[in-house]
Protein backbone atom coordinates (compact mmCIF):
# COMPACT_ATOMS: atom_id res chain seq x y z
CA MET A 1 -168.22 61.94 14.41
CA PRO A 2 -167.70 59.85 11.27
CA ALA A 3 -164.82 57.37 11.38
CA THR A 4 -163.09 59.37 8.66
CA VAL A 5 -162.60 62.30 11.05
CA TYR A 6 -160.61 60.09 13.42
CA LEU A 7 -158.60 58.70 10.49
CA LEU A 8 -157.74 62.24 9.46
CA GLY A 9 -156.49 62.84 13.00
CA LEU A 10 -154.25 59.77 12.67
CA CYS A 11 -152.89 61.11 9.38
CA ILE A 12 -152.07 64.47 10.96
CA PHE A 13 -150.44 62.66 13.89
CA ALA A 14 -148.14 60.75 11.55
CA MET A 15 -147.30 63.82 9.46
CA ALA A 16 -146.66 66.06 12.47
CA THR A 17 -144.50 63.38 14.09
CA SER A 18 -142.42 63.34 10.91
CA GLU A 19 -142.11 67.13 11.05
CA PHE A 20 -141.18 67.30 14.74
CA MET A 21 -138.95 64.25 15.09
CA VAL A 22 -136.00 65.74 13.20
CA ALA A 23 -135.51 68.12 16.14
CA GLY A 24 -135.36 65.15 18.52
CA MET A 25 -132.66 63.28 16.60
CA MET A 26 -130.38 66.12 15.53
CA PRO A 27 -127.10 64.57 16.76
CA SER A 28 -127.83 61.26 15.02
CA LEU A 29 -128.76 62.94 11.74
CA ALA A 30 -125.76 65.26 11.86
CA ALA A 31 -123.41 62.32 12.33
CA ALA A 32 -125.07 60.18 9.66
CA LEU A 33 -125.26 62.94 7.04
CA GLY A 34 -121.86 64.45 7.81
CA VAL A 35 -123.15 67.95 8.57
CA GLY A 36 -123.30 70.26 11.59
CA LEU A 37 -126.26 70.80 13.89
CA PRO A 38 -127.25 74.12 12.22
CA ALA A 39 -127.64 72.29 8.91
CA VAL A 40 -129.96 69.76 10.55
CA GLY A 41 -131.89 72.65 12.05
CA ASN A 42 -132.32 74.00 8.54
CA LEU A 43 -134.19 70.78 7.68
CA VAL A 44 -136.89 71.86 10.15
CA SER A 45 -137.03 75.31 8.55
CA ALA A 46 -137.15 73.77 5.06
CA PHE A 47 -140.17 71.68 6.06
CA ALA A 48 -142.00 74.76 7.39
CA ALA A 49 -141.04 76.84 4.35
CA SER A 50 -142.42 74.19 1.98
CA VAL A 51 -145.66 74.22 3.96
CA VAL A 52 -145.92 78.00 3.59
CA LEU A 53 -145.03 78.20 -0.10
CA GLY A 54 -145.77 74.84 -1.73
CA GLY A 55 -148.96 73.69 -0.05
CA PRO A 56 -151.34 76.30 -1.51
CA ALA A 57 -149.95 75.74 -5.02
CA LEU A 58 -150.56 71.99 -4.81
CA THR A 59 -154.01 72.60 -3.31
CA TRP A 60 -154.87 74.78 -6.31
CA LEU A 61 -153.87 71.98 -8.70
CA LEU A 62 -156.16 69.55 -6.84
CA ARG A 63 -159.13 71.92 -6.60
CA ALA A 64 -161.37 69.89 -8.97
CA ALA A 65 -160.46 66.42 -7.64
CA ARG A 66 -162.68 64.44 -5.31
CA ARG A 67 -161.69 64.90 -1.68
CA LYS A 68 -161.06 61.18 -1.17
CA HIS A 69 -158.81 60.92 -4.22
CA SER A 70 -156.88 64.03 -3.19
CA LEU A 71 -156.30 62.69 0.32
CA ILE A 72 -155.03 59.34 -0.92
CA GLY A 73 -152.77 61.00 -3.49
CA LEU A 74 -151.32 63.38 -0.90
CA LEU A 75 -150.73 60.55 1.57
CA LEU A 76 -148.87 58.61 -1.12
CA LEU A 77 -146.80 61.70 -1.93
CA PHE A 78 -145.97 62.12 1.77
CA LEU A 79 -145.14 58.40 1.95
CA ALA A 80 -142.71 58.78 -0.94
CA GLY A 81 -140.99 61.69 0.83
CA GLN A 82 -140.81 59.74 4.07
CA VAL A 83 -139.29 56.68 2.37
CA LEU A 84 -136.79 58.96 0.63
CA GLY A 85 -135.76 60.27 4.05
CA ALA A 86 -135.49 56.77 5.53
CA GLN A 87 -133.05 55.84 2.76
CA ALA A 88 -131.16 59.15 2.71
CA GLY A 89 -127.43 58.75 2.28
CA ASP A 90 -126.58 62.44 2.12
CA TYR A 91 -127.89 65.82 3.17
CA GLN A 92 -129.39 66.75 -0.21
CA GLN A 93 -131.55 63.65 -0.27
CA MET A 94 -132.82 64.35 3.23
CA LEU A 95 -133.53 67.95 2.26
CA TRP A 96 -135.66 66.80 -0.67
CA SER A 97 -137.47 64.43 1.67
CA ARG A 98 -138.39 67.31 3.99
CA LEU A 99 -139.54 69.54 1.13
CA ILE A 100 -141.78 66.85 -0.39
CA CYS A 101 -143.31 65.98 2.99
CA GLY A 102 -143.94 69.63 3.83
CA VAL A 103 -145.78 70.36 0.58
CA ALA A 104 -147.91 67.21 0.93
CA GLN A 105 -148.75 67.98 4.57
CA SER A 106 -149.92 71.52 3.86
CA ALA A 107 -152.20 70.49 1.00
CA PHE A 108 -153.48 67.51 3.02
CA PHE A 109 -154.41 69.81 5.91
CA GLY A 110 -156.55 71.99 3.63
CA VAL A 111 -158.34 69.05 1.98
CA ALA A 112 -158.80 67.23 5.31
CA LEU A 113 -160.54 70.17 6.99
CA ALA A 114 -162.68 70.73 3.89
CA LEU A 115 -163.76 67.08 3.96
CA ALA A 116 -164.41 67.20 7.72
CA ALA A 117 -166.66 70.25 7.27
CA GLU A 118 -168.42 68.48 4.39
CA LEU A 119 -169.06 65.35 6.49
CA VAL A 120 -170.28 67.00 9.70
CA GLY A 121 -171.64 70.35 8.52
CA GLU A 122 -170.23 73.79 9.29
CA HIS A 123 -172.17 73.95 12.57
CA ARG A 124 -169.82 71.26 13.97
CA VAL A 125 -166.65 72.22 12.11
CA ALA A 126 -164.78 73.33 15.25
CA ARG A 127 -165.45 70.03 17.02
CA ALA A 128 -164.34 68.05 13.96
CA ALA A 129 -161.29 70.30 13.58
CA ALA A 130 -160.38 69.68 17.23
CA LEU A 131 -160.35 65.92 16.63
CA VAL A 132 -158.30 66.27 13.45
CA LEU A 133 -155.89 68.73 15.07
CA ASN A 134 -155.53 66.57 18.16
CA GLY A 135 -153.23 64.52 15.96
CA LEU A 136 -150.94 67.56 15.93
CA MET A 137 -151.06 67.88 19.72
CA LEU A 138 -150.46 64.15 20.30
CA ALA A 139 -147.48 64.26 17.95
CA SER A 140 -145.71 66.61 20.35
CA VAL A 141 -146.77 64.61 23.43
CA ALA A 142 -146.17 61.06 22.16
CA GLY A 143 -144.88 61.05 18.59
CA LEU A 144 -141.74 63.11 19.12
CA PRO A 145 -140.62 61.35 22.35
CA LEU A 146 -141.26 57.90 20.85
CA ALA A 147 -139.34 58.74 17.67
CA ALA A 148 -136.42 60.02 19.76
CA TRP A 149 -136.53 56.86 21.91
CA VAL A 150 -136.48 54.62 18.82
CA ASP A 151 -133.56 56.65 17.46
CA GLN A 152 -131.57 56.13 20.65
CA HIS A 153 -132.15 52.36 20.71
CA TRP A 154 -132.40 51.28 17.06
CA GLY A 155 -131.35 54.27 14.97
CA TRP A 156 -133.05 57.18 13.26
CA ARG A 157 -133.89 55.28 10.08
CA LEU A 158 -136.32 53.02 11.93
CA SER A 159 -138.20 56.10 13.16
CA PHE A 160 -138.64 57.20 9.55
CA TRP A 161 -139.80 53.71 8.51
CA LEU A 162 -142.32 53.48 11.36
CA VAL A 163 -143.88 56.80 10.38
CA ALA A 164 -143.97 55.61 6.76
CA MET A 165 -145.85 52.47 7.84
CA MET A 166 -148.32 54.59 9.80
CA VAL A 167 -148.96 56.79 6.75
CA ALA A 168 -149.48 53.71 4.56
CA LEU A 169 -152.01 52.27 7.03
CA ALA A 170 -153.82 55.60 7.22
CA ALA A 171 -154.01 55.76 3.41
CA ALA A 172 -155.53 52.26 3.36
CA GLY A 173 -158.06 53.34 5.98
CA ILE A 174 -159.03 56.45 4.00
CA ALA A 175 -159.44 54.33 0.87
CA ALA A 176 -161.67 51.82 2.68
CA LEU A 177 -163.82 54.03 4.90
CA THR A 178 -164.13 57.44 3.24
CA PRO A 179 -167.07 58.01 0.89
CA SER A 180 -166.07 59.12 -2.59
CA GLY A 181 -168.51 61.99 -2.69
CA SER A 182 -169.02 64.19 -5.70
CA ALA A 183 -166.30 66.17 -7.41
CA PRO A 184 -166.27 69.77 -6.14
CA ARG A 185 -166.96 72.56 -8.55
CA ALA A 186 -163.62 73.97 -9.66
CA LEU A 187 -163.52 77.72 -9.04
CA SER A 188 -161.92 79.94 -11.60
CA LEU A 189 -158.90 81.98 -10.65
CA GLY A 190 -161.09 85.09 -10.46
CA GLU A 191 -163.70 83.41 -8.23
CA GLU A 192 -161.05 82.03 -5.91
CA GLY A 193 -159.36 85.41 -5.82
CA ARG A 194 -162.60 87.18 -4.84
CA ARG A 195 -163.21 84.63 -2.10
CA LEU A 196 -159.69 85.07 -0.76
CA ALA A 197 -159.75 88.87 -1.06
CA ARG A 198 -162.19 89.40 1.82
CA GLY A 199 -160.76 91.68 4.44
CA SER A 200 -162.47 89.76 7.24
CA LEU A 201 -160.74 86.55 6.10
CA TRP A 202 -157.31 88.18 6.24
CA ALA A 203 -158.17 89.61 9.65
CA ALA A 204 -158.81 86.02 10.77
CA TYR A 205 -155.54 84.91 9.15
CA LEU A 206 -153.69 87.71 10.94
CA SER A 207 -155.08 86.68 14.32
CA SER A 208 -154.08 83.06 13.72
CA GLY A 209 -150.54 83.96 12.70
CA LEU A 210 -150.09 86.23 15.71
CA ILE A 211 -151.48 83.60 18.12
CA ILE A 212 -149.13 80.87 16.91
CA GLY A 213 -146.23 83.34 16.74
CA ALA A 214 -146.88 84.30 20.37
CA VAL A 215 -146.89 80.65 21.48
CA PHE A 216 -143.72 79.65 19.65
CA ALA A 217 -141.74 82.79 20.43
CA ALA A 218 -141.82 81.59 24.03
CA PHE A 219 -142.10 77.82 23.60
CA THR A 220 -139.00 77.49 21.42
CA TYR A 221 -136.79 78.74 24.26
CA LEU A 222 -138.53 77.22 27.28
CA ALA A 223 -135.85 74.57 27.86
CA PRO A 224 -132.96 77.01 28.47
CA LEU A 225 -135.30 79.32 30.40
CA PHE A 226 -136.23 76.48 32.75
CA THR A 227 -132.67 75.32 33.34
CA GLN A 228 -130.85 78.67 33.48
CA ILE A 229 -133.42 80.95 35.13
CA SER A 230 -135.95 78.68 36.89
CA GLY A 231 -133.20 76.34 38.09
CA PHE A 232 -134.84 73.09 37.01
CA ASP A 233 -132.55 70.11 36.53
CA ALA A 234 -132.31 68.97 32.91
CA THR A 235 -133.77 65.58 33.89
CA THR A 236 -137.08 67.24 34.81
CA LEU A 237 -137.57 68.85 31.39
CA PRO A 238 -139.32 65.82 29.82
CA TRP A 239 -141.87 65.90 32.65
CA LEU A 240 -142.48 69.62 32.21
CA PHE A 241 -142.99 69.23 28.47
CA ALA A 242 -145.19 66.17 29.01
CA GLY A 243 -147.36 68.28 31.31
CA TYR A 244 -147.47 71.00 28.68
CA GLY A 245 -148.48 68.48 26.02
CA LEU A 246 -151.23 66.92 28.12
CA ALA A 247 -152.61 70.38 28.93
CA THR A 248 -152.62 71.13 25.21
CA VAL A 249 -154.59 67.98 24.39
CA ALA A 250 -157.13 68.69 27.15
CA GLY A 251 -157.47 72.33 26.13
CA ASN A 252 -157.92 71.39 22.48
CA LEU A 253 -160.79 69.01 23.23
CA CYS A 254 -162.53 71.61 25.41
CA SER A 255 -162.02 74.31 22.81
CA GLY A 256 -163.50 72.04 20.13
CA ARG A 257 -166.64 71.60 22.24
CA TRP A 258 -167.19 75.34 22.73
CA ALA A 259 -165.75 76.98 19.62
CA ASP A 260 -168.64 76.22 17.26
CA ARG A 261 -171.10 78.42 19.16
CA HIS A 262 -168.71 80.67 21.07
CA THR A 263 -165.93 81.28 18.56
CA ARG A 264 -165.21 84.85 19.55
CA ARG A 265 -165.44 84.17 23.28
CA VAL A 266 -163.04 81.22 23.06
CA LEU A 267 -160.52 83.36 21.21
CA ARG A 268 -160.86 86.30 23.59
CA VAL A 269 -160.63 84.21 26.78
CA GLY A 270 -157.83 82.12 25.30
CA LEU A 271 -155.80 85.17 24.36
CA LEU A 272 -156.32 86.85 27.73
CA THR A 273 -155.17 83.65 29.43
CA LEU A 274 -152.21 83.30 27.07
CA LEU A 275 -151.20 86.93 27.63
CA ALA A 276 -151.46 86.56 31.42
CA ALA A 277 -149.44 83.31 31.36
CA LEU A 278 -146.65 84.85 29.27
CA VAL A 279 -146.41 88.03 31.36
CA ALA A 280 -146.40 85.98 34.57
CA LEU A 281 -143.73 83.65 33.18
CA ALA A 282 -141.53 86.59 32.17
CA LEU A 283 -141.85 88.14 35.63
CA LEU A 284 -141.83 85.01 37.80
CA ALA A 285 -139.60 82.57 35.90
CA GLN A 286 -137.10 82.48 38.77
CA TRP A 287 -139.61 80.56 40.93
CA ARG A 288 -140.06 76.95 39.87
CA ALA A 289 -143.67 76.53 41.00
CA ALA A 290 -144.73 79.69 39.18
CA ALA A 291 -142.85 78.67 36.02
CA ALA A 292 -144.49 75.22 36.04
CA ALA A 293 -147.95 76.74 36.54
CA CYS A 294 -147.38 79.19 33.70
CA VAL A 295 -146.33 76.46 31.28
CA LEU A 296 -149.53 74.53 32.06
CA LEU A 297 -151.57 77.65 31.33
CA LEU A 298 -149.59 78.12 28.13
CA GLY A 299 -150.54 74.58 27.13
CA LEU A 300 -154.22 75.04 28.00
CA ALA A 301 -154.69 78.37 26.22
CA GLY A 302 -152.15 78.53 23.38
CA LEU A 303 -152.42 75.92 20.65
CA PRO A 304 -155.93 74.86 21.82
CA MET A 305 -157.29 78.02 20.22
CA ASN A 306 -156.82 76.22 16.87
CA PRO A 307 -160.43 74.92 16.60
CA ALA A 308 -161.77 78.44 17.17
CA MET A 309 -159.27 79.81 14.65
CA VAL A 310 -160.44 77.25 12.08
CA ALA A 311 -164.12 77.97 12.80
CA ARG A 312 -163.55 81.69 12.33
CA VAL A 313 -161.74 81.16 9.02
CA VAL A 314 -164.35 78.70 7.69
CA ARG A 315 -167.26 80.98 8.54
CA THR A 316 -165.52 83.94 7.00
CA GLY A 317 -164.02 82.42 3.84
CA GLY A 318 -165.80 79.08 3.46
CA SER A 319 -164.57 75.54 4.01
CA GLY A 320 -162.73 75.11 0.70
CA PRO A 321 -159.27 73.49 0.64
CA MET A 322 -157.53 76.65 -0.59
CA VAL A 323 -158.86 78.72 2.32
CA ASN A 324 -157.69 76.08 4.81
CA SER A 325 -154.36 75.49 3.09
CA LEU A 326 -153.57 79.21 3.16
CA HIS A 327 -154.58 79.22 6.82
CA MET A 328 -151.99 76.52 7.54
CA SER A 329 -149.40 78.50 5.59
CA VAL A 330 -150.11 81.61 7.69
CA VAL A 331 -149.94 79.55 10.90
CA ASN A 332 -146.56 78.11 9.90
CA LEU A 333 -145.36 81.57 8.93
CA GLY A 334 -146.32 82.80 12.39
CA LEU A 335 -144.45 79.85 13.90
CA MET A 336 -141.32 80.62 11.89
CA LEU A 337 -141.39 84.35 12.64
CA GLY A 338 -142.09 83.85 16.34
CA SER A 339 -139.20 81.41 16.74
CA TRP A 340 -136.91 83.57 14.61
CA GLY A 341 -137.83 86.74 16.53
CA GLY A 342 -137.06 85.10 19.86
CA GLY A 343 -133.69 83.92 18.55
CA ALA A 344 -132.90 87.35 17.14
CA LEU A 345 -133.47 88.93 20.57
CA LEU A 346 -131.12 86.40 22.16
CA ASP A 347 -128.49 87.02 19.46
CA ALA A 348 -128.77 90.74 20.22
CA GLY A 349 -127.76 90.06 23.82
CA TRP A 350 -131.14 90.10 25.56
CA SER A 351 -131.90 87.66 28.37
CA LEU A 352 -133.88 84.43 28.06
CA ARG A 353 -136.94 86.32 29.28
CA ALA A 354 -136.96 88.39 26.07
CA PRO A 355 -138.61 85.73 23.85
CA VAL A 356 -141.36 85.40 26.45
CA TRP A 357 -141.94 89.16 26.39
CA LEU A 358 -142.04 88.98 22.58
CA GLY A 359 -144.70 86.29 22.87
CA ALA A 360 -146.71 88.51 25.22
CA ALA A 361 -146.48 91.41 22.76
CA LEU A 362 -147.69 89.21 19.90
CA ALA A 363 -150.56 87.91 22.06
CA ALA A 364 -151.59 91.51 22.80
CA LEU A 365 -151.54 92.29 19.07
CA ALA A 366 -153.63 89.17 18.39
CA LEU A 367 -156.17 90.31 20.97
CA ALA A 368 -156.38 93.70 19.26
CA SER A 369 -156.73 92.05 15.85
CA LEU A 370 -160.00 90.36 16.87
CA GLY A 371 -161.79 93.62 16.21
CA LEU A 372 -160.45 94.18 12.70
CA ASP A 373 -163.30 92.35 10.98
CA ARG A 374 -165.99 94.36 12.74
CA ALA A 375 -166.16 96.90 9.92
CA GLY A 376 -169.47 96.23 8.27
CA HIS A 377 -170.74 93.47 10.58
CA SER A 378 -170.24 91.96 14.01
CA TRP A 379 -169.58 88.41 15.07
CA GLN A 380 -172.28 88.82 17.62
CA VAL A 381 -175.07 88.62 15.03
CA THR A 382 -177.27 85.57 15.39
CA GLY A 383 -176.39 84.13 12.02
CA ASN A 384 -174.40 84.49 8.83
CA SER A 385 -175.07 83.79 5.19
CA ALA A 386 -175.31 80.07 5.98
CA GLY A 387 -177.65 80.65 8.91
CA LEU A 388 -175.01 79.54 11.41
CA PRO A 389 -174.16 81.05 14.77
CA ARG A 390 -170.94 83.00 14.97
């Protein structure tokens, strides 16, 4: 893998840490900004909403720019948003910080995956995507806990400044090590629309949104499920989530190895495993050993389907930034709807098992959606228009 691929993973690690760490320092931010915890929670939603809505628009504006220049510009935009957050004196300033960072992250994701595919070739896009997306996994395993630890010892502003420094170093690395390449041909609105109008592409988008929705419908409410139903002590939760995170990293690397040549099989096996883990967790959550085993399976088979999801999208719609940026928007939309749906069930008076059952239902729908793009051609053909295995 070219060094740039690893640098892109570092960039995603820094950006995802910035996205996640607000949840880990909610009391500190609420006290500093003079707002309640729900308002701080809305900062997380604002970040995700800006990813869904703003990222594709910015990606469209950058469609004719060289990949290297786009990446550096987006990193600098993210850096500006991060510095704004580090200096925030009120809630509105912090809100603007989250919106700017979310838009920059979404567009960066699309350009980064397009550049990775350009550097390694579409036959290795899943492996490259796994390395880039491992930054996302490591952010939940290491970035979020470290940011929370820094907040507890030196204050939340230092966490923001440390992430800003990491982004600045990553931008310098991209500038020094990434080849400039040629400027991509700017597609017209009609050409881009025809590319994005493929039914098979939206079938792939649908599967991705359902998969991430299934994971986060359950994951968002694992902590209260573990303490109130499984009977775990609150002090054991960091170890459970650390185990989940390590399983996610391991699963992501394995998925990246297999997803290029076995895209459909990785998705099918991953979804069957995810569905089994969620059903078992809903039924057996009262037993600690079973709950712990289920959360490890959830880590191995949930988010690690990302490389296969990316490979499916790239081979269906191409490796352009707009295709990948929209994919990230759909994934974040699935995340938001899964978390919201689980909360809505709890607000309606259902038990803490209800979000897990919702996740299982979404996983079943995702499994069914794998067949939606079979009209006209099958994934099992030996090649596609680029001569690549599906």
